[in-house]
Amino acid sequence: MTKEDNKKNDKDKNNPKNKEESLLKASGPALNLGSELVIPIILGVLFGHWLDVDNNTGARWTVILLIVGIIVGVYNFWKIIRKLNNDNK
């Protein structure tokens, strides 16, 4: 690389637009983590509640599907964390 290339790279790093883009790229997986954890739990509770109301089973299905949602959410969370750690190596 020449000195001109190095100066150009330095200018690109200091460009506010590039900083914003890199921040969005870095925060994307973090934002995805929350949804991967919460969505299965919410869907499990909603579906379980619907089954309980439809079948008049108290809160049996809600509790069962809440636990399943938590397990699925934690598994998704763990999978993304492992992928992020492998990408950083």
C-alpha atoms as a PDB file:
ATOM      1  CA  MET A   1       0.000   0.000   0.000  1.00  0.00           C
ATOM      2  CA  THR A   2       1.119   3.476  -0.735  1.00  0.00           C
ATOM      3  CA  LYS A   3       0.950   6.455   1.582  1.00  0.00           C
ATOM      4  CA  GLU A   4      -2.010   7.774  -0.431  1.00  0.00           C
ATOM      5  CA  ASP A   5      -3.906   4.531   0.141  1.00  0.00           C
ATOM      6  CA  ASN A   6      -3.223   4.755   3.869  1.00  0.00           C
ATOM      7  CA  LYS A   7      -4.469   8.355   3.969  1.00  0.00           C
ATOM      8  CA  LYS A   8      -7.607   7.363   2.088  1.00  0.00           C
ATOM      9  CA  ASN A   9      -8.266   4.502   4.539  1.00  0.00           C
ATOM     10  CA  ASP A  10      -7.784   6.885   7.470  1.00  0.00           C
ATOM     11  CA  LYS A  11     -10.284   9.327   5.948  1.00  0.00           C
ATOM     12  CA  ASP A  12     -12.769   6.510   5.389  1.00  0.00           C
ATOM     13  CA  LYS A  13     -12.511   5.486   9.048  1.00  0.00           C
ATOM     14  CA  ASN A  14     -13.189   9.036  10.195  1.00  0.00           C
ATOM     15  CA  ASN A  15     -16.164   9.491   7.902  1.00  0.00           C
ATOM     16  CA  PRO A  16     -19.319   9.716  10.087  1.00  0.00           C
ATOM     17  CA  LYS A  17     -21.295   7.680   7.569  1.00  0.00           C
ATOM     18  CA  ASN A  18     -18.805   4.813   7.779  1.00  0.00           C
ATOM     19  CA  LYS A  19     -18.817   4.966  11.580  1.00  0.00           C
ATOM     20  CA  GLU A  20     -22.619   4.768  11.569  1.00  0.00           C
ATOM     21  CA  GLU A  21     -22.600   1.819   9.180  1.00  0.00           C
ATOM     22  CA  SER A  22     -20.049  -0.054  11.265  1.00  0.00           C
ATOM     23  CA  LEU A  23     -22.073   0.621  14.424  1.00  0.00           C
ATOM     24  CA  LEU A  24     -25.202  -0.760  12.785  1.00  0.00           C
ATOM     25  CA  LYS A  25     -23.312  -3.820  11.574  1.00  0.00           C
ATOM     26  CA  ALA A  26     -21.935  -4.405  15.052  1.00  0.00           C
ATOM     27  CA  SER A  27     -25.291  -3.921  16.801  1.00  0.00           C
ATOM     28  CA  GLY A  28     -27.278  -6.115  14.399  1.00  0.00           C
ATOM     29  CA  PRO A  29     -26.490  -9.435  16.087  1.00  0.00           C
ATOM     30  CA  ALA A  30     -27.145  -7.930  19.531  1.00  0.00           C
ATOM     31  CA  LEU A  31     -30.587  -6.755  18.455  1.00  0.00           C
ATOM     32  CA  ASN A  32     -31.259 -10.170  16.988  1.00  0.00           C
ATOM     33  CA  LEU A  33     -30.384 -11.844  20.295  1.00  0.00           C
ATOM     34  CA  GLY A  34     -33.336 -10.327  22.110  1.00  0.00           C
ATOM     35  CA  SER A  35     -35.859 -11.334  19.509  1.00  0.00           C
ATOM     36  CA  GLU A  36     -34.451 -14.863  19.252  1.00  0.00           C
ATOM     37  CA  LEU A  37     -34.907 -15.252  22.993  1.00  0.00           C
ATOM     38  CA  VAL A  38     -38.285 -13.551  23.500  1.00  0.00           C
ATOM     39  CA  ILE A  39     -40.320 -14.561  20.435  1.00  0.00           C
ATOM     40  CA  PRO A  40     -40.460 -18.331  21.173  1.00  0.00           C
ATOM     41  CA  ILE A  41     -41.501 -17.594  24.758  1.00  0.00           C
ATOM     42  CA  ILE A  42     -44.304 -15.237  23.714  1.00  0.00           C
ATOM     43  CA  LEU A  43     -45.531 -17.601  20.991  1.00  0.00           C
ATOM     44  CA  GLY A  44     -45.490 -20.521  23.428  1.00  0.00           C
ATOM     45  CA  VAL A  45     -47.537 -18.628  26.005  1.00  0.00           C
ATOM     46  CA  LEU A  46     -50.046 -17.371  23.432  1.00  0.00           C
ATOM     47  CA  PHE A  47     -50.513 -20.773  21.819  1.00  0.00           C
ATOM     48  CA  GLY A  48     -50.700 -22.466  25.233  1.00  0.00           C
ATOM     49  CA  HIS A  49     -53.323 -19.989  26.426  1.00  0.00           C
ATOM     50  CA  TRP A  50     -55.357 -20.559  23.280  1.00  0.00           C
ATOM     51  CA  LEU A  51     -55.197 -24.334  23.823  1.00  0.00           C
ATOM     52  CA  ASP A  52     -56.183 -23.952  27.479  1.00  0.00           C
ATOM     53  CA  VAL A  53     -59.181 -21.771  26.671  1.00  0.00           C
ATOM     54  CA  ASP A  54     -60.246 -24.015  23.790  1.00  0.00           C
ATOM     55  CA  ASN A  55     -59.929 -27.256  25.776  1.00  0.00           C
ATOM     56  CA  ASN A  56     -60.797 -25.891  29.239  1.00  0.00           C
ATOM     57  CA  THR A  57     -57.579 -27.288  30.741  1.00  0.00           C
ATOM     58  CA  GLY A  58     -56.717 -24.558  33.242  1.00  0.00           C
ATOM     59  CA  ALA A  59     -53.155 -23.384  32.675  1.00  0.00           C
ATOM     60  CA  ARG A  60     -51.622 -26.734  31.762  1.00  0.00           C
ATOM     61  CA  TRP A  61     -50.721 -25.957  28.131  1.00  0.00           C
ATOM     62  CA  THR A  62     -49.644 -22.428  28.936  1.00  0.00           C
ATOM     63  CA  VAL A  63     -47.083 -23.677  31.453  1.00  0.00           C
ATOM     64  CA  ILE A  64     -45.883 -26.528  29.225  1.00  0.00           C
ATOM     65  CA  LEU A  65     -45.441 -24.306  26.182  1.00  0.00           C
ATOM     66  CA  LEU A  66     -43.883 -21.546  28.308  1.00  0.00           C
ATOM     67  CA  ILE A  67     -41.190 -24.020  29.361  1.00  0.00           C
ATOM     68  CA  VAL A  68     -40.746 -25.195  25.768  1.00  0.00           C
ATOM     69  CA  GLY A  69     -40.511 -21.551  24.624  1.00  0.00           C
ATOM     70  CA  ILE A  70     -37.852 -20.817  27.234  1.00  0.00           C
ATOM     71  CA  ILE A  71     -35.825 -23.856  26.155  1.00  0.00           C
ATOM     72  CA  VAL A  72     -36.087 -22.932  22.472  1.00  0.00           C
ATOM     73  CA  GLY A  73     -35.262 -19.277  23.196  1.00  0.00           C
ATOM     74  CA  VAL A  74     -32.198 -20.134  25.268  1.00  0.00           C
ATOM     75  CA  TYR A  75     -31.048 -22.604  22.606  1.00  0.00           C
ATOM     76  CA  ASN A  76     -31.380 -19.921  19.899  1.00  0.00           C
ATOM     77  CA  PHE A  77     -29.535 -17.428  22.124  1.00  0.00           C
ATOM     78  CA  TRP A  78     -26.721 -19.930  22.746  1.00  0.00           C
ATOM     79  CA  LYS A  79     -26.448 -20.744  19.030  1.00  0.00           C
ATOM     80  CA  ILE A  80     -26.047 -17.068  18.087  1.00  0.00           C
ATOM     81  CA  ILE A  81     -23.499 -16.437  20.855  1.00  0.00           C
ATOM     82  CA  ARG A  82     -21.427 -19.411  19.663  1.00  0.00           C
ATOM     83  CA  LYS A  83     -21.579 -18.150  16.078  1.00  0.00           C
ATOM     84  CA  LEU A  84     -20.509 -14.654  17.142  1.00  0.00           C
ATOM     85  CA  ASN A  85     -17.595 -16.063  19.151  1.00  0.00           C
ATOM     86  CA  ASN A  86     -16.479 -18.200  16.202  1.00  0.00           C
ATOM     87  CA  ASP A  87     -16.701 -15.227  13.847  1.00  0.00           C
ATOM     88  CA  ASN A  88     -14.463 -13.155  16.148  1.00  0.00           C
ATOM     89  CA  LYS A  89     -11.676 -15.754  16.200  1.00  0.00           C
END
